Amino acid sequence: MLTPDDPGSELGNVFPNPYYNANEGPQSPKPPNAQWRGVMIAAPNPAVITLRNPQVLLHGTYRIQGANYPANDSLKLTAIEMVSKKEFTAIAGQHDASPSVPPPPEAPPDPQMLKRMVFSGFFNTDLIATLKLPRVGATYRVRADLGNIPSNEIMVQITLQ
């Protein structure tokens, strides 16, 4: 289980991935206030990709009240190309560390304690690598869902240089 209000916490089932990390950075979106709960994303717009820098980094943060934290805490990314309406989806950063050995069962937390807990953290992922987007200029509507909790939607225009 994640520790409450620990900025170093990562999504529970996310393991190391070269296209994903859970670090706070200068481009990470900032919650509007201490009471804010949800998932928020940001990305450069326009995003310029080159042969030397073929990435478009999506930055995100989440802060979720303990009782609302989804049991399935996978981070699903969705990008819809605006002209063709083609949808690209992927689970960010998910690699099962040991697929043949299930994790040991955990005792459920005290419901009263869970209500007082807040889980928070950050995530960064390369949209092109994670979603396997074509390396062409295009505009996408992007969102991230943490379990059943949707983020804001952003527009990302990718240009080639």
N, C-alpha and C. Protein backbone atom coordinates (compact mmCIF):
# COMPACT_ATOMS: atom_id res chain seq x y z
N MET A 1 0.84 -1.17 0.00
CA MET A 1 0.00 0.00 0.00
C MET A 1 0.89 1.23 0.00
N LEU A 2 0.41 2.29 -0.62
CA LEU A 2 1.15 3.54 -0.69
C LEU A 2 1.10 4.26 0.65
N THR A 3 2.12 5.02 0.91
CA THR A 3 2.11 5.82 2.13
C THR A 3 1.40 7.13 1.86
N PRO A 4 0.65 7.65 2.83
CA PRO A 4 -0.11 8.88 2.60
C PRO A 4 0.79 10.10 2.51
N ASP A 5 0.41 11.00 1.61
CA ASP A 5 1.10 12.29 1.45
C ASP A 5 2.61 12.17 1.37
N ASP A 6 3.10 11.11 0.76
CA ASP A 6 4.53 10.93 0.59
C ASP A 6 4.86 11.28 -0.86
N PRO A 7 5.51 12.42 -1.11
CA PRO A 7 5.77 12.80 -2.49
C PRO A 7 6.67 11.80 -3.22
N GLY A 8 7.31 10.91 -2.51
CA GLY A 8 8.13 9.90 -3.15
C GLY A 8 7.34 8.66 -3.51
N SER A 9 6.08 8.60 -3.12
CA SER A 9 5.26 7.43 -3.42
C SER A 9 5.09 7.29 -4.92
N GLU A 10 5.00 6.06 -5.36
CA GLU A 10 4.72 5.79 -6.75
C GLU A 10 3.44 4.99 -6.82
N LEU A 11 2.85 4.96 -8.00
CA LEU A 11 1.69 4.11 -8.18
C LEU A 11 2.08 2.70 -7.79
N GLY A 12 1.21 2.01 -7.08
CA GLY A 12 1.55 0.74 -6.46
C GLY A 12 2.06 -0.34 -7.38
N ASN A 13 1.53 -0.46 -8.60
CA ASN A 13 1.96 -1.55 -9.46
C ASN A 13 2.79 -1.06 -10.64
N VAL A 14 3.51 0.03 -10.46
CA VAL A 14 4.37 0.56 -11.50
C VAL A 14 5.81 0.24 -11.16
N PHE A 15 6.49 -0.38 -12.11
CA PHE A 15 7.87 -0.78 -11.91
C PHE A 15 8.76 -0.05 -12.91
N PRO A 16 10.06 -0.03 -12.73
CA PRO A 16 10.95 0.76 -13.59
C PRO A 16 10.73 0.51 -15.08
N ASN A 17 10.76 1.60 -15.83
CA ASN A 17 10.53 1.59 -17.25
C ASN A 17 11.31 2.76 -17.82
N PRO A 18 12.04 2.59 -18.92
CA PRO A 18 12.83 3.71 -19.44
C PRO A 18 11.97 4.88 -19.91
N TYR A 19 10.68 4.66 -20.16
CA TYR A 19 9.80 5.72 -20.63
C TYR A 19 8.88 6.24 -19.54
N TYR A 20 9.13 5.88 -18.29
CA TYR A 20 8.23 6.26 -17.20
C TYR A 20 9.03 6.50 -15.92
N ASN A 21 8.67 7.54 -15.17
CA ASN A 21 9.22 7.71 -13.83
C ASN A 21 8.21 8.46 -12.98
N ALA A 22 8.42 8.46 -11.69
CA ALA A 22 7.50 9.08 -10.74
C ALA A 22 8.17 10.23 -9.99
N ASN A 23 9.00 10.98 -10.68
CA ASN A 23 9.71 12.10 -10.05
C ASN A 23 8.97 13.41 -10.27
N GLU A 24 9.02 14.28 -9.28
CA GLU A 24 8.50 15.63 -9.47
C GLU A 24 9.57 16.44 -10.19
N GLY A 25 9.15 17.19 -11.18
CA GLY A 25 10.08 18.02 -11.92
C GLY A 25 9.53 19.42 -12.08
N PRO A 26 10.32 20.32 -12.64
CA PRO A 26 9.85 21.70 -12.81
C PRO A 26 8.62 21.81 -13.71
N GLN A 27 8.44 20.86 -14.63
CA GLN A 27 7.29 20.91 -15.53
C GLN A 27 6.07 20.19 -14.96
N SER A 28 6.21 19.55 -13.80
CA SER A 28 5.08 18.84 -13.21
C SER A 28 3.97 19.83 -12.88
N PRO A 29 2.72 19.48 -13.20
CA PRO A 29 1.62 20.39 -12.84
C PRO A 29 1.50 20.51 -11.33
N LYS A 30 1.09 21.67 -10.90
CA LYS A 30 0.95 21.94 -9.47
C LYS A 30 -0.53 21.96 -9.11
N PRO A 31 -0.92 21.24 -8.06
CA PRO A 31 -2.32 21.31 -7.62
C PRO A 31 -2.71 22.74 -7.29
N PRO A 32 -3.94 23.13 -7.62
CA PRO A 32 -4.34 24.52 -7.39
C PRO A 32 -4.41 24.93 -5.92
N ASN A 33 -4.68 23.96 -5.03
CA ASN A 33 -4.75 24.27 -3.60
C ASN A 33 -4.64 22.96 -2.81
N ALA A 34 -4.54 23.08 -1.49
CA ALA A 34 -4.33 21.90 -0.64
C ALA A 34 -5.54 20.97 -0.61
N GLN A 35 -6.73 21.49 -0.92
CA GLN A 35 -7.93 20.67 -0.89
C GLN A 35 -8.17 19.92 -2.21
N TRP A 36 -7.42 20.27 -3.26
CA TRP A 36 -7.64 19.66 -4.57
C TRP A 36 -7.42 18.16 -4.51
N ARG A 37 -8.29 17.42 -5.17
CA ARG A 37 -8.16 15.96 -5.33
C ARG A 37 -8.41 15.64 -6.79
N GLY A 38 -7.62 14.73 -7.35
CA GLY A 38 -7.81 14.33 -8.73
C GLY A 38 -6.50 13.97 -9.40
N VAL A 39 -6.54 14.00 -10.73
CA VAL A 39 -5.38 13.70 -11.57
C VAL A 39 -5.23 14.87 -12.54
N MET A 40 -4.01 15.40 -12.67
CA MET A 40 -3.77 16.55 -13.53
C MET A 40 -2.56 16.26 -14.41
N ILE A 41 -2.67 16.60 -15.71
CA ILE A 41 -1.56 16.38 -16.64
C ILE A 41 -1.19 17.69 -17.35
N ALA A 42 0.04 17.72 -17.87
CA ALA A 42 0.54 18.84 -18.66
C ALA A 42 1.60 18.31 -19.62
N ALA A 43 1.74 18.99 -20.75
CA ALA A 43 2.76 18.64 -21.74
C ALA A 43 3.10 19.90 -22.53
N PRO A 44 4.28 19.93 -23.14
CA PRO A 44 4.61 21.09 -23.96
C PRO A 44 3.66 21.17 -25.15
N ASN A 45 3.30 22.38 -25.53
CA ASN A 45 2.43 22.56 -26.69
C ASN A 45 2.77 23.88 -27.35
N PRO A 46 3.32 23.87 -28.54
CA PRO A 46 3.57 22.68 -29.36
C PRO A 46 4.78 21.91 -28.85
N ALA A 47 4.80 20.63 -29.19
CA ALA A 47 5.91 19.76 -28.83
C ALA A 47 6.71 19.49 -30.11
N VAL A 48 7.98 19.80 -30.07
CA VAL A 48 8.84 19.62 -31.24
C VAL A 48 9.68 18.38 -31.04
N ILE A 49 9.60 17.45 -31.99
CA ILE A 49 10.45 16.26 -31.92
C ILE A 49 11.50 16.34 -33.03
N THR A 50 12.70 15.88 -32.68
CA THR A 50 13.82 15.85 -33.62
C THR A 50 14.44 14.46 -33.57
N LEU A 51 15.41 14.23 -34.43
CA LEU A 51 16.12 12.95 -34.38
C LEU A 51 16.86 12.80 -33.06
N ARG A 52 17.38 13.89 -32.51
CA ARG A 52 18.12 13.83 -31.24
C ARG A 52 17.21 13.82 -30.02
N ASN A 53 15.99 14.34 -30.17
CA ASN A 53 15.05 14.37 -29.06
C ASN A 53 13.67 13.92 -29.57
N PRO A 54 13.48 12.60 -29.71
CA PRO A 54 12.23 12.09 -30.28
C PRO A 54 11.13 11.86 -29.24
N GLN A 55 11.14 12.64 -28.15
CA GLN A 55 10.18 12.43 -27.07
C GLN A 55 9.22 13.59 -26.93
N VAL A 56 8.04 13.26 -26.42
CA VAL A 56 7.09 14.27 -25.94
C VAL A 56 6.73 13.83 -24.54
N LEU A 57 7.23 14.56 -23.55
CA LEU A 57 7.01 14.15 -22.17
C LEU A 57 5.69 14.67 -21.63
N LEU A 58 4.91 13.75 -21.09
CA LEU A 58 3.67 14.07 -20.40
C LEU A 58 4.00 14.05 -18.91
N HIS A 59 3.66 15.13 -18.22
CA HIS A 59 3.91 15.25 -16.79
C HIS A 59 2.58 15.22 -16.07
N GLY A 60 2.54 14.57 -14.92
CA GLY A 60 1.27 14.51 -14.19
C GLY A 60 1.47 14.45 -12.69
N THR A 61 0.38 14.75 -12.00
CA THR A 61 0.33 14.63 -10.55
C THR A 61 -1.04 14.09 -10.17
N TYR A 62 -1.10 13.47 -9.02
CA TYR A 62 -2.38 13.00 -8.51
C TYR A 62 -2.42 13.19 -7.00
N ARG A 63 -3.60 13.43 -6.50
CA ARG A 63 -3.84 13.53 -5.06
C ARG A 63 -5.25 12.99 -4.86
N ILE A 64 -5.35 11.86 -4.16
CA ILE A 64 -6.63 11.15 -4.06
C ILE A 64 -6.90 10.80 -2.61
N GLN A 65 -8.11 11.10 -2.17
CA GLN A 65 -8.54 10.74 -0.82
C GLN A 65 -8.52 9.22 -0.71
N GLY A 66 -8.03 8.70 0.42
CA GLY A 66 -7.82 7.27 0.59
C GLY A 66 -8.99 6.39 0.24
N ALA A 67 -10.20 6.76 0.69
CA ALA A 67 -11.38 5.94 0.43
C ALA A 67 -11.71 5.90 -1.06
N ASN A 68 -11.25 6.87 -1.84
CA ASN A 68 -11.54 6.93 -3.28
C ASN A 68 -10.42 6.37 -4.14
N TYR A 69 -9.29 5.99 -3.50
CA TYR A 69 -8.17 5.49 -4.29
C TYR A 69 -8.57 4.20 -4.98
N PRO A 70 -8.42 4.12 -6.30
CA PRO A 70 -8.91 2.94 -7.03
C PRO A 70 -8.10 1.68 -6.71
N ALA A 71 -8.82 0.56 -6.58
CA ALA A 71 -8.14 -0.72 -6.34
C ALA A 71 -7.24 -1.05 -7.52
N ASN A 72 -7.70 -0.71 -8.73
CA ASN A 72 -6.90 -0.89 -9.94
C ASN A 72 -6.21 0.44 -10.19
N ASP A 73 -4.98 0.59 -9.67
CA ASP A 73 -4.31 1.88 -9.78
C ASP A 73 -3.43 1.99 -11.01
N SER A 74 -3.83 1.34 -12.10
CA SER A 74 -3.06 1.48 -13.33
C SER A 74 -3.33 2.84 -13.95
N LEU A 75 -2.35 3.38 -14.62
CA LEU A 75 -2.43 4.69 -15.26
C LEU A 75 -2.63 4.47 -16.75
N LYS A 76 -3.83 4.71 -17.22
CA LYS A 76 -4.16 4.51 -18.64
C LYS A 76 -4.06 5.85 -19.36
N LEU A 77 -3.27 5.89 -20.42
CA LEU A 77 -3.14 7.09 -21.24
C LEU A 77 -3.97 6.91 -22.50
N THR A 78 -4.61 7.99 -22.92
CA THR A 78 -5.39 7.99 -24.16
C THR A 78 -5.05 9.25 -24.93
N ALA A 79 -4.77 9.08 -26.22
CA ALA A 79 -4.55 10.21 -27.12
C ALA A 79 -5.40 9.98 -28.36
N ILE A 80 -6.15 11.00 -28.75
CA ILE A 80 -6.98 10.91 -29.95
C ILE A 80 -6.45 11.92 -30.95
N GLU A 81 -6.06 11.41 -32.14
CA GLU A 81 -5.55 12.28 -33.20
C GLU A 81 -6.74 13.05 -33.76
N MET A 82 -6.63 14.36 -33.82
CA MET A 82 -7.79 15.21 -34.09
C MET A 82 -8.33 15.13 -35.52
N VAL A 83 -7.50 14.83 -36.51
CA VAL A 83 -8.00 14.77 -37.89
C VAL A 83 -8.64 13.42 -38.18
N SER A 84 -7.92 12.34 -37.92
CA SER A 84 -8.42 11.00 -38.24
C SER A 84 -9.33 10.43 -37.16
N LYS A 85 -9.28 11.01 -35.95
CA LYS A 85 -10.02 10.52 -34.78
C LYS A 85 -9.52 9.15 -34.31
N LYS A 86 -8.33 8.75 -34.76
CA LYS A 86 -7.76 7.48 -34.32
C LYS A 86 -7.36 7.60 -32.85
N GLU A 87 -7.70 6.56 -32.08
CA GLU A 87 -7.42 6.56 -30.65
C GLU A 87 -6.24 5.65 -30.34
N PHE A 88 -5.33 6.16 -29.52
CA PHE A 88 -4.17 5.41 -29.05
C PHE A 88 -4.30 5.29 -27.54
N THR A 89 -4.18 4.06 -27.01
CA THR A 89 -4.25 3.87 -25.56
C THR A 89 -3.14 2.93 -25.11
N ALA A 90 -2.71 3.11 -23.88
CA ALA A 90 -1.69 2.23 -23.30
C ALA A 90 -1.69 2.43 -21.80
N ILE A 91 -1.19 1.44 -21.11
CA ILE A 91 -0.97 1.53 -19.67
C ILE A 91 0.46 2.01 -19.48
N ALA A 92 0.63 3.11 -18.75
CA ALA A 92 1.95 3.71 -18.58
C ALA A 92 2.72 3.01 -17.48
N GLY A 93 3.95 2.65 -17.79
CA GLY A 93 4.88 2.17 -16.78
C GLY A 93 4.59 0.81 -16.20
N GLN A 94 3.69 0.06 -16.77
CA GLN A 94 3.30 -1.20 -16.16
C GLN A 94 4.20 -2.34 -16.63
N HIS A 95 4.88 -2.93 -15.70
CA HIS A 95 5.67 -4.13 -15.94
C HIS A 95 5.51 -5.00 -14.70
N ASP A 96 4.98 -6.17 -14.86
CA ASP A 96 4.81 -7.06 -13.72
C ASP A 96 6.17 -7.61 -13.34
N ALA A 97 6.61 -7.28 -12.14
CA ALA A 97 7.95 -7.68 -11.70
C ALA A 97 8.11 -9.19 -11.63
N SER A 98 7.07 -9.89 -11.28
CA SER A 98 7.14 -11.36 -11.22
C SER A 98 5.75 -11.92 -11.59
N PRO A 99 5.49 -12.07 -12.87
CA PRO A 99 4.15 -12.45 -13.31
C PRO A 99 3.69 -13.82 -12.81
N SER A 100 4.59 -14.71 -12.46
CA SER A 100 4.17 -16.05 -12.03
C SER A 100 3.93 -16.15 -10.53
N VAL A 101 4.35 -15.15 -9.78
CA VAL A 101 4.18 -15.20 -8.32
C VAL A 101 3.28 -14.04 -7.89
N PRO A 102 2.06 -14.32 -7.45
CA PRO A 102 1.19 -13.22 -7.03
C PRO A 102 1.70 -12.61 -5.72
N PRO A 103 1.42 -11.32 -5.52
CA PRO A 103 1.86 -10.70 -4.27
C PRO A 103 1.11 -11.30 -3.09
N PRO A 104 1.73 -11.27 -1.91
CA PRO A 104 1.04 -11.82 -0.74
C PRO A 104 -0.19 -10.97 -0.41
N PRO A 105 -1.23 -11.59 0.12
CA PRO A 105 -2.42 -10.80 0.47
C PRO A 105 -2.12 -9.83 1.60
N GLU A 106 -2.75 -8.67 1.52
CA GLU A 106 -2.57 -7.65 2.56
C GLU A 106 -3.85 -7.56 3.38
N ALA A 107 -3.68 -7.27 4.64
CA ALA A 107 -4.86 -7.04 5.49
C ALA A 107 -5.49 -5.72 5.06
N PRO A 108 -6.82 -5.67 4.94
CA PRO A 108 -7.43 -4.41 4.53
C PRO A 108 -7.21 -3.34 5.61
N PRO A 109 -6.97 -2.09 5.19
CA PRO A 109 -6.75 -1.04 6.17
C PRO A 109 -8.04 -0.69 6.91
N ASP A 110 -7.89 -0.10 8.06
CA ASP A 110 -9.02 0.35 8.85
C ASP A 110 -9.80 1.40 8.04
N PRO A 111 -11.11 1.21 7.80
CA PRO A 111 -11.88 2.16 6.99
C PRO A 111 -11.84 3.59 7.51
N GLN A 112 -11.82 3.78 8.82
CA GLN A 112 -11.77 5.13 9.37
C GLN A 112 -10.42 5.79 9.10
N MET A 113 -9.35 5.02 9.18
CA MET A 113 -8.03 5.55 8.88
C MET A 113 -7.93 5.87 7.38
N LEU A 114 -8.48 5.00 6.56
CA LEU A 114 -8.43 5.18 5.11
C LEU A 114 -9.11 6.49 4.70
N LYS A 115 -10.19 6.86 5.35
CA LYS A 115 -10.89 8.11 5.04
C LYS A 115 -10.00 9.33 5.27
N ARG A 116 -9.08 9.25 6.22
CA ARG A 116 -8.21 10.38 6.54
C ARG A 116 -6.95 10.44 5.68
N MET A 117 -6.65 9.36 4.99
CA MET A 117 -5.42 9.30 4.20
C MET A 117 -5.59 10.00 2.85
N VAL A 118 -4.50 10.55 2.35
CA VAL A 118 -4.45 11.14 1.02
C VAL A 118 -3.23 10.57 0.32
N PHE A 119 -3.44 10.00 -0.86
CA PHE A 119 -2.34 9.44 -1.65
C PHE A 119 -1.99 10.45 -2.73
N SER A 120 -0.70 10.76 -2.84
CA SER A 120 -0.28 11.74 -3.83
C SER A 120 1.04 11.32 -4.45
N GLY A 121 1.28 11.83 -5.64
CA GLY A 121 2.52 11.52 -6.33
C GLY A 121 2.58 12.19 -7.68
N PHE A 122 3.59 11.83 -8.43
CA PHE A 122 3.85 12.42 -9.74
C PHE A 122 4.13 11.31 -10.72
N PHE A 123 4.00 11.62 -12.01
CA PHE A 123 4.38 10.68 -13.05
C PHE A 123 4.81 11.46 -14.29
N ASN A 124 5.71 10.85 -15.05
CA ASN A 124 6.21 11.41 -16.30
C ASN A 124 6.36 10.25 -17.26
N THR A 125 5.91 10.44 -18.48
CA THR A 125 6.04 9.38 -19.47
C THR A 125 6.19 9.99 -20.86
N ASP A 126 6.86 9.28 -21.73
CA ASP A 126 7.03 9.70 -23.12
C ASP A 126 5.78 9.27 -23.88
N LEU A 127 5.00 10.23 -24.35
CA LEU A 127 3.77 9.92 -25.07
C LEU A 127 4.03 9.10 -26.34
N ILE A 128 5.06 9.45 -27.07
CA ILE A 128 5.33 8.77 -28.35
C ILE A 128 5.68 7.30 -28.11
N ALA A 129 6.58 7.03 -27.18
CA ALA A 129 6.99 5.64 -26.92
C ALA A 129 5.88 4.85 -26.24
N THR A 130 5.24 5.44 -25.24
CA THR A 130 4.23 4.71 -24.48
C THR A 130 3.01 4.38 -25.34
N LEU A 131 2.53 5.36 -26.12
CA LEU A 131 1.34 5.15 -26.94
C LEU A 131 1.66 4.64 -28.33
N LYS A 132 2.95 4.53 -28.65
CA LYS A 132 3.39 4.10 -29.98
C LYS A 132 2.77 5.00 -31.06
N LEU A 133 2.89 6.32 -30.82
CA LEU A 133 2.38 7.30 -31.77
C LEU A 133 3.29 7.35 -32.99
N PRO A 134 2.72 7.56 -34.17
CA PRO A 134 3.57 7.71 -35.35
C PRO A 134 4.41 8.98 -35.24
N ARG A 135 5.61 8.93 -35.76
CA ARG A 135 6.52 10.07 -35.68
C ARG A 135 6.25 11.02 -36.85
N VAL A 136 5.06 11.63 -36.78
CA VAL A 136 4.63 12.61 -37.78
C VAL A 136 3.99 13.77 -37.04
N GLY A 137 3.90 14.89 -37.73
CA GLY A 137 3.23 16.03 -37.14
C GLY A 137 1.74 15.74 -37.01
N ALA A 138 1.17 16.04 -35.87
CA ALA A 138 -0.26 15.81 -35.63
C ALA A 138 -0.66 16.52 -34.35
N THR A 139 -1.96 16.66 -34.16
CA THR A 139 -2.51 17.24 -32.93
C THR A 139 -3.34 16.18 -32.24
N TYR A 140 -3.12 16.04 -30.94
CA TYR A 140 -3.80 15.01 -30.14
C TYR A 140 -4.52 15.64 -28.96
N ARG A 141 -5.65 15.06 -28.62
CA ARG A 141 -6.35 15.35 -27.35
C ARG A 141 -5.93 14.23 -26.41
N VAL A 142 -5.33 14.58 -25.26
CA VAL A 142 -4.70 13.60 -24.38
C VAL A 142 -5.33 13.66 -22.99
N ARG A 143 -5.49 12.48 -22.39
CA ARG A 143 -5.92 12.40 -20.99
C ARG A 143 -5.28 11.18 -20.36
N ALA A 144 -5.31 11.15 -19.02
CA ALA A 144 -4.80 10.02 -18.25
C ALA A 144 -5.87 9.63 -17.25
N ASP A 145 -6.09 8.34 -17.08
CA ASP A 145 -7.05 7.84 -16.10
C ASP A 145 -6.31 7.00 -15.08
N LEU A 146 -6.44 7.35 -13.82
CA LEU A 146 -5.87 6.55 -12.73
C LEU A 146 -7.01 5.72 -12.19
N GLY A 147 -7.04 4.43 -12.56
CA GLY A 147 -8.21 3.61 -12.26
C GLY A 147 -9.40 4.23 -12.97
N ASN A 148 -10.43 4.59 -12.22
CA ASN A 148 -11.61 5.22 -12.83
C ASN A 148 -11.63 6.73 -12.64
N ILE A 149 -10.51 7.33 -12.25
CA ILE A 149 -10.44 8.77 -12.02
C ILE A 149 -9.77 9.43 -13.22
N PRO A 150 -10.54 10.24 -13.99
CA PRO A 150 -9.97 10.87 -15.19
C PRO A 150 -9.21 12.14 -14.85
N SER A 151 -8.23 12.46 -15.69
CA SER A 151 -7.49 13.72 -15.57
C SER A 151 -8.21 14.78 -16.39
N ASN A 152 -7.63 15.97 -16.36
CA ASN A 152 -8.03 17.00 -17.31
C ASN A 152 -7.61 16.53 -18.71
N GLU A 153 -8.19 17.13 -19.74
CA GLU A 153 -7.77 16.84 -21.12
C GLU A 153 -6.93 18.01 -21.61
N ILE A 154 -5.88 17.67 -22.35
CA ILE A 154 -5.02 18.71 -22.92
C ILE A 154 -4.86 18.45 -24.42
N MET A 155 -4.52 19.49 -25.13
CA MET A 155 -4.20 19.37 -26.55
C MET A 155 -2.68 19.42 -26.69
N VAL A 156 -2.15 18.52 -27.50
CA VAL A 156 -0.71 18.50 -27.77
C VAL A 156 -0.52 18.48 -29.28
N GLN A 157 0.11 19.52 -29.80
CA GLN A 157 0.43 19.58 -31.22
C GLN A 157 1.89 19.17 -31.38
N ILE A 158 2.11 18.10 -32.12
CA ILE A 158 3.47 17.59 -32.33
C ILE A 158 3.95 18.08 -33.70
N THR A 159 5.11 18.70 -33.71
CA THR A 159 5.72 19.13 -34.97
C THR A 159 7.08 18.48 -35.11
N LEU A 160 7.49 18.26 -36.35
CA LEU A 160 8.79 17.65 -36.65
C LEU A 160 9.78 18.74 -37.02
N GLN A 161 11.02 18.50 -36.66
CA GLN A 161 12.07 19.43 -37.02
C GLN A 161 13.27 18.69 -37.53
